[in-house]
Amino acid sequence: MDEKLQHLLGEAARAARLRLGLTQAEVAGKVDLDPAVYGRVERGHMMPSVPSLRRICVALGISADALLSLGRQESEEPPELSRIIHILHGWPPERLALLRKLLETADSHLTT
């Protein structure tokens, strides 16, 4: 295994997890890994299997390209924005549309 890739993957996973305000145990539970195993991934001591890598990407809301340090990196968002985006991933389209309208209304009143 490429140790540099393992290290980069671990750093990217840790940064994404921290942006979401999650613990290693919470992410491990979401991706069906033992917390000690997930900790080894974040420390760059092991490479997850492809199915585990996919589950990590979904749980952290990060693309496989970003997690594997391929091409364009994830933008650095404020932690609060990352947490909000993480919550919204499970919302149905009609609920998201309503939230967009509320935000647009609030924004128009706050910027005047």
N, C-alpha and C. Protein backbone atom coordinates (compact mmCIF):
# COMPACT_ATOMS: atom_id res chain seq x y z
N MET A 1 0.84 -1.19 0.00
CA MET A 1 0.00 0.00 0.00
C MET A 1 0.87 1.25 0.00
N ASP A 2 0.42 2.25 -0.63
CA ASP A 2 1.11 3.54 -0.69
C ASP A 2 0.88 4.27 0.63
N GLU A 3 1.95 4.37 1.43
CA GLU A 3 1.82 5.00 2.75
C GLU A 3 1.44 6.47 2.66
N LYS A 4 1.93 7.17 1.62
CA LYS A 4 1.59 8.58 1.47
C LYS A 4 0.09 8.72 1.20
N LEU A 5 -0.47 7.85 0.36
CA LEU A 5 -1.90 7.90 0.07
C LEU A 5 -2.71 7.62 1.34
N GLN A 6 -2.29 6.63 2.12
CA GLN A 6 -2.98 6.32 3.37
C GLN A 6 -2.98 7.54 4.29
N HIS A 7 -1.83 8.22 4.37
CA HIS A 7 -1.71 9.40 5.23
C HIS A 7 -2.62 10.53 4.73
N LEU A 8 -2.62 10.78 3.41
CA LEU A 8 -3.47 11.84 2.84
C LEU A 8 -4.94 11.53 3.04
N LEU A 9 -5.32 10.27 2.84
CA LEU A 9 -6.71 9.87 3.04
C LEU A 9 -7.11 10.10 4.50
N GLY A 10 -6.24 9.71 5.41
CA GLY A 10 -6.53 9.89 6.84
C GLY A 10 -6.70 11.35 7.20
N GLU A 11 -5.82 12.21 6.67
CA GLU A 11 -5.92 13.64 6.95
C GLU A 11 -7.22 14.23 6.40
N ALA A 12 -7.58 13.82 5.18
CA ALA A 12 -8.81 14.34 4.56
C ALA A 12 -10.04 13.87 5.34
N ALA A 13 -10.04 12.61 5.76
CA ALA A 13 -11.18 12.09 6.53
C ALA A 13 -11.30 12.81 7.87
N ARG A 14 -10.17 13.03 8.52
CA ARG A 14 -10.20 13.71 9.82
C ARG A 14 -10.71 15.15 9.66
N ALA A 15 -10.22 15.86 8.65
CA ALA A 15 -10.64 17.24 8.43
C ALA A 15 -12.15 17.30 8.14
N ALA A 16 -12.64 16.39 7.31
CA ALA A 16 -14.08 16.37 7.00
C ALA A 16 -14.90 16.05 8.24
N ARG A 17 -14.42 15.10 9.04
CA ARG A 17 -15.14 14.73 10.27
C ARG A 17 -15.20 15.92 11.23
N LEU A 18 -14.09 16.60 11.40
CA LEU A 18 -14.06 17.75 12.31
C LEU A 18 -14.95 18.88 11.82
N ARG A 19 -15.00 19.09 10.49
CA ARG A 19 -15.89 20.14 9.95
C ARG A 19 -17.35 19.84 10.29
N LEU A 20 -17.67 18.55 10.37
CA LEU A 20 -19.05 18.15 10.69
C LEU A 20 -19.31 18.09 12.20
N GLY A 21 -18.26 18.21 12.98
CA GLY A 21 -18.42 18.15 14.43
C GLY A 21 -18.72 16.76 14.94
N LEU A 22 -18.22 15.74 14.25
CA LEU A 22 -18.47 14.35 14.63
C LEU A 22 -17.25 13.76 15.33
N THR A 23 -17.48 12.76 16.16
CA THR A 23 -16.38 12.02 16.77
C THR A 23 -16.02 10.84 15.87
N GLN A 24 -14.85 10.26 16.12
CA GLN A 24 -14.46 9.07 15.36
C GLN A 24 -15.47 7.94 15.59
N ALA A 25 -15.94 7.80 16.81
CA ALA A 25 -16.91 6.74 17.12
C ALA A 25 -18.21 6.94 16.35
N GLU A 26 -18.65 8.19 16.21
CA GLU A 26 -19.89 8.45 15.47
C GLU A 26 -19.73 8.09 13.99
N VAL A 27 -18.60 8.46 13.41
CA VAL A 27 -18.36 8.12 12.00
C VAL A 27 -18.23 6.61 11.85
N ALA A 28 -17.50 5.98 12.75
CA ALA A 28 -17.33 4.52 12.70
C ALA A 28 -18.69 3.82 12.73
N GLY A 29 -19.59 4.30 13.57
CA GLY A 29 -20.93 3.72 13.63
C GLY A 29 -21.69 3.89 12.34
N LYS A 30 -21.56 5.07 11.72
CA LYS A 30 -22.26 5.33 10.46
C LYS A 30 -21.74 4.48 9.31
N VAL A 31 -20.45 4.13 9.35
CA VAL A 31 -19.85 3.38 8.24
C VAL A 31 -19.66 1.91 8.57
N ASP A 32 -20.19 1.48 9.72
CA ASP A 32 -20.15 0.07 10.12
C ASP A 32 -18.71 -0.45 10.25
N LEU A 33 -17.87 0.36 10.90
CA LEU A 33 -16.50 -0.06 11.21
C LEU A 33 -16.30 0.02 12.72
N ASP A 34 -15.43 -0.82 13.23
CA ASP A 34 -15.04 -0.72 14.63
C ASP A 34 -14.35 0.64 14.82
N PRO A 35 -14.63 1.36 15.90
CA PRO A 35 -14.00 2.65 16.10
C PRO A 35 -12.46 2.61 16.05
N ALA A 36 -11.88 1.53 16.55
CA ALA A 36 -10.41 1.42 16.52
C ALA A 36 -9.91 1.30 15.08
N VAL A 37 -10.67 0.60 14.24
CA VAL A 37 -10.30 0.46 12.83
C VAL A 37 -10.42 1.81 12.13
N TYR A 38 -11.53 2.51 12.38
CA TYR A 38 -11.69 3.83 11.76
C TYR A 38 -10.57 4.77 12.22
N GLY A 39 -10.19 4.70 13.49
CA GLY A 39 -9.10 5.51 14.01
C GLY A 39 -7.79 5.24 13.27
N ARG A 40 -7.55 3.97 12.95
CA ARG A 40 -6.34 3.61 12.19
C ARG A 40 -6.38 4.22 10.80
N VAL A 41 -7.57 4.27 10.19
CA VAL A 41 -7.71 4.89 8.86
C VAL A 41 -7.34 6.37 8.96
N GLU A 42 -7.90 7.07 9.95
CA GLU A 42 -7.62 8.50 10.10
C GLU A 42 -6.16 8.78 10.41
N ARG A 43 -5.52 7.89 11.12
CA ARG A 43 -4.10 8.09 11.44
C ARG A 43 -3.19 7.69 10.28
N GLY A 44 -3.78 7.17 9.20
CA GLY A 44 -2.98 6.80 8.03
C GLY A 44 -2.27 5.47 8.19
N HIS A 45 -2.77 4.63 9.09
CA HIS A 45 -2.14 3.34 9.32
C HIS A 45 -2.78 2.20 8.54
N MET A 46 -3.91 2.48 7.90
CA MET A 46 -4.53 1.45 7.07
C MET A 46 -5.40 2.08 5.99
N MET A 47 -5.58 1.34 4.92
CA MET A 47 -6.43 1.77 3.81
C MET A 47 -7.74 0.99 3.91
N PRO A 48 -8.88 1.68 3.88
CA PRO A 48 -10.16 0.96 3.95
C PRO A 48 -10.44 0.22 2.64
N SER A 49 -11.31 -0.77 2.73
CA SER A 49 -11.75 -1.47 1.52
C SER A 49 -12.58 -0.50 0.69
N VAL A 50 -12.82 -0.84 -0.56
CA VAL A 50 -13.61 0.04 -1.43
C VAL A 50 -15.02 0.25 -0.88
N PRO A 51 -15.73 -0.80 -0.43
CA PRO A 51 -17.06 -0.54 0.15
C PRO A 51 -16.99 0.36 1.39
N SER A 52 -15.99 0.17 2.23
CA SER A 52 -15.84 1.02 3.41
C SER A 52 -15.50 2.44 3.01
N LEU A 53 -14.65 2.60 2.00
CA LEU A 53 -14.29 3.92 1.50
C LEU A 53 -15.54 4.67 1.02
N ARG A 54 -16.40 3.96 0.31
CA ARG A 54 -17.64 4.57 -0.17
C ARG A 54 -18.52 5.03 1.00
N ARG A 55 -18.66 4.16 2.01
CA ARG A 55 -19.48 4.52 3.18
C ARG A 55 -18.88 5.71 3.93
N ILE A 56 -17.55 5.79 3.99
CA ILE A 56 -16.89 6.92 4.64
C ILE A 56 -17.21 8.20 3.87
N CYS A 57 -17.12 8.14 2.55
CA CYS A 57 -17.43 9.32 1.72
C CYS A 57 -18.85 9.80 1.98
N VAL A 58 -19.80 8.88 2.02
CA VAL A 58 -21.21 9.24 2.23
C VAL A 58 -21.38 9.84 3.63
N ALA A 59 -20.82 9.19 4.63
CA ALA A 59 -20.99 9.66 6.02
C ALA A 59 -20.37 11.04 6.24
N LEU A 60 -19.27 11.31 5.56
CA LEU A 60 -18.57 12.58 5.75
C LEU A 60 -18.98 13.64 4.73
N GLY A 61 -19.81 13.26 3.76
CA GLY A 61 -20.23 14.22 2.75
C GLY A 61 -19.06 14.74 1.93
N ILE A 62 -18.14 13.85 1.59
CA ILE A 62 -16.94 14.23 0.85
C ILE A 62 -16.80 13.29 -0.35
N SER A 63 -16.34 13.82 -1.46
CA SER A 63 -16.18 12.99 -2.65
C SER A 63 -14.99 12.06 -2.49
N ALA A 64 -15.02 10.96 -3.21
CA ALA A 64 -13.88 10.04 -3.20
C ALA A 64 -12.65 10.73 -3.76
N ASP A 65 -12.83 11.61 -4.74
CA ASP A 65 -11.69 12.35 -5.29
C ASP A 65 -11.01 13.18 -4.21
N ALA A 66 -11.79 13.87 -3.41
CA ALA A 66 -11.22 14.69 -2.34
C ALA A 66 -10.57 13.81 -1.27
N LEU A 67 -11.23 12.71 -0.92
CA LEU A 67 -10.71 11.84 0.11
C LEU A 67 -9.40 11.19 -0.34
N LEU A 68 -9.29 10.91 -1.64
CA LEU A 68 -8.08 10.29 -2.17
C LEU A 68 -7.07 11.31 -2.70
N SER A 69 -7.35 12.59 -2.46
CA SER A 69 -6.47 13.68 -2.88
C SER A 69 -6.26 13.70 -4.39
N LEU A 70 -7.34 13.48 -5.13
CA LEU A 70 -7.29 13.52 -6.59
C LEU A 70 -7.90 14.81 -7.06
N GLY A 71 -7.22 15.52 -7.91
CA GLY A 71 -7.78 16.74 -8.50
C GLY A 71 -8.08 17.80 -7.48
N ARG A 72 -9.18 18.51 -7.73
CA ARG A 72 -9.59 19.64 -6.90
C ARG A 72 -9.94 19.18 -5.49
N GLN A 73 -9.42 19.87 -4.51
CA GLN A 73 -9.70 19.57 -3.12
C GLN A 73 -11.03 20.19 -2.70
N GLU A 74 -11.61 19.62 -1.66
CA GLU A 74 -12.83 20.19 -1.09
C GLU A 74 -12.54 21.62 -0.64
N SER A 75 -13.49 22.49 -0.86
CA SER A 75 -13.30 23.87 -0.41
C SER A 75 -13.39 23.90 1.11
N GLU A 76 -12.68 24.83 1.70
CA GLU A 76 -12.71 25.00 3.14
C GLU A 76 -13.94 25.81 3.49
N GLU A 77 -14.94 25.14 4.00
CA GLU A 77 -16.17 25.81 4.41
C GLU A 77 -16.11 26.07 5.90
N PRO A 78 -16.82 27.09 6.35
CA PRO A 78 -16.92 27.28 7.80
C PRO A 78 -17.55 26.02 8.42
N PRO A 79 -17.11 25.59 9.59
CA PRO A 79 -17.64 24.38 10.20
C PRO A 79 -19.16 24.37 10.33
N GLU A 80 -19.75 25.51 10.65
CA GLU A 80 -21.21 25.56 10.83
C GLU A 80 -21.93 25.27 9.51
N LEU A 81 -21.39 25.78 8.40
CA LEU A 81 -21.98 25.51 7.09
C LEU A 81 -21.89 24.02 6.76
N SER A 82 -20.77 23.40 7.07
CA SER A 82 -20.61 21.96 6.83
C SER A 82 -21.63 21.16 7.63
N ARG A 83 -21.86 21.56 8.87
CA ARG A 83 -22.84 20.85 9.71
C ARG A 83 -24.25 20.98 9.12
N ILE A 84 -24.58 22.18 8.65
CA ILE A 84 -25.90 22.41 8.06
C ILE A 84 -26.07 21.56 6.80
N ILE A 85 -25.06 21.55 5.94
CA ILE A 85 -25.11 20.75 4.71
C ILE A 85 -25.29 19.28 5.04
N HIS A 86 -24.58 18.82 6.06
CA HIS A 86 -24.69 17.41 6.48
C HIS A 86 -26.13 17.07 6.88
N ILE A 87 -26.78 17.96 7.61
CA ILE A 87 -28.17 17.75 8.03
C ILE A 87 -29.09 17.71 6.82
N LEU A 88 -28.86 18.62 5.86
CA LEU A 88 -29.76 18.75 4.71
C LEU A 88 -29.67 17.60 3.72
N HIS A 89 -28.60 16.81 3.77
CA HIS A 89 -28.46 15.70 2.81
C HIS A 89 -29.64 14.74 2.85
N GLY A 90 -30.28 14.58 4.00
CA GLY A 90 -31.40 13.65 4.10
C GLY A 90 -32.77 14.24 3.83
N TRP A 91 -32.83 15.53 3.56
CA TRP A 91 -34.12 16.19 3.37
C TRP A 91 -34.69 15.92 1.99
N PRO A 92 -36.02 15.78 1.88
CA PRO A 92 -36.66 15.61 0.57
C PRO A 92 -36.64 16.93 -0.21
N PRO A 93 -36.75 16.86 -1.54
CA PRO A 93 -36.66 18.06 -2.39
C PRO A 93 -37.66 19.17 -2.02
N GLU A 94 -38.89 18.81 -1.69
CA GLU A 94 -39.87 19.85 -1.37
C GLU A 94 -39.51 20.60 -0.09
N ARG A 95 -38.92 19.91 0.85
CA ARG A 95 -38.48 20.56 2.10
C ARG A 95 -37.29 21.49 1.82
N LEU A 96 -36.38 21.04 0.94
CA LEU A 96 -35.24 21.88 0.56
C LEU A 96 -35.71 23.13 -0.17
N ALA A 97 -36.70 23.00 -1.04
CA ALA A 97 -37.23 24.15 -1.77
C ALA A 97 -37.83 25.17 -0.80
N LEU A 98 -38.56 24.69 0.18
CA LEU A 98 -39.14 25.59 1.19
C LEU A 98 -38.03 26.30 1.97
N LEU A 99 -37.01 25.57 2.37
CA LEU A 99 -35.90 26.18 3.09
C LEU A 99 -35.20 27.25 2.24
N ARG A 100 -35.01 26.97 0.94
CA ARG A 100 -34.39 27.94 0.04
C ARG A 100 -35.20 29.22 0.00
N LYS A 101 -36.52 29.10 -0.09
CA LYS A 101 -37.39 30.28 -0.11
C LYS A 101 -37.28 31.08 1.19
N LEU A 102 -37.25 30.36 2.30
CA LEU A 102 -37.11 31.03 3.60
C LEU A 102 -35.77 31.77 3.69
N LEU A 103 -34.70 31.12 3.22
CA LEU A 103 -33.38 31.75 3.25
C LEU A 103 -33.32 32.97 2.34
N GLU A 104 -33.90 32.86 1.16
CA GLU A 104 -33.92 34.00 0.24
C GLU A 104 -34.67 35.18 0.85
N THR A 105 -35.80 34.90 1.50
CA THR A 105 -36.58 35.95 2.14
C THR A 105 -35.79 36.58 3.28
N ALA A 106 -35.22 35.75 4.11
CA ALA A 106 -34.42 36.27 5.23
C ALA A 106 -33.24 37.08 4.72
N ASP A 107 -32.57 36.59 3.68
CA ASP A 107 -31.41 37.29 3.14
C ASP A 107 -31.79 38.67 2.59
N SER A 108 -32.93 38.73 1.90
CA SER A 108 -33.35 40.02 1.34
C SER A 108 -33.65 41.03 2.44
N HIS A 109 -34.17 40.57 3.57
CA HIS A 109 -34.48 41.48 4.67
C HIS A 109 -33.23 41.85 5.48
N LEU A 110 -32.27 40.96 5.52
CA LEU A 110 -31.05 41.21 6.32
C LEU A 110 -30.04 42.08 5.56
N THR A 111 -30.12 42.10 4.23
CA THR A 111 -29.13 42.85 3.45
C THR A 111 -29.60 44.26 3.11
N THR A 112 -30.79 44.64 3.54
CA THR A 112 -31.29 45.99 3.21
C THR A 112 -30.97 46.96 4.30
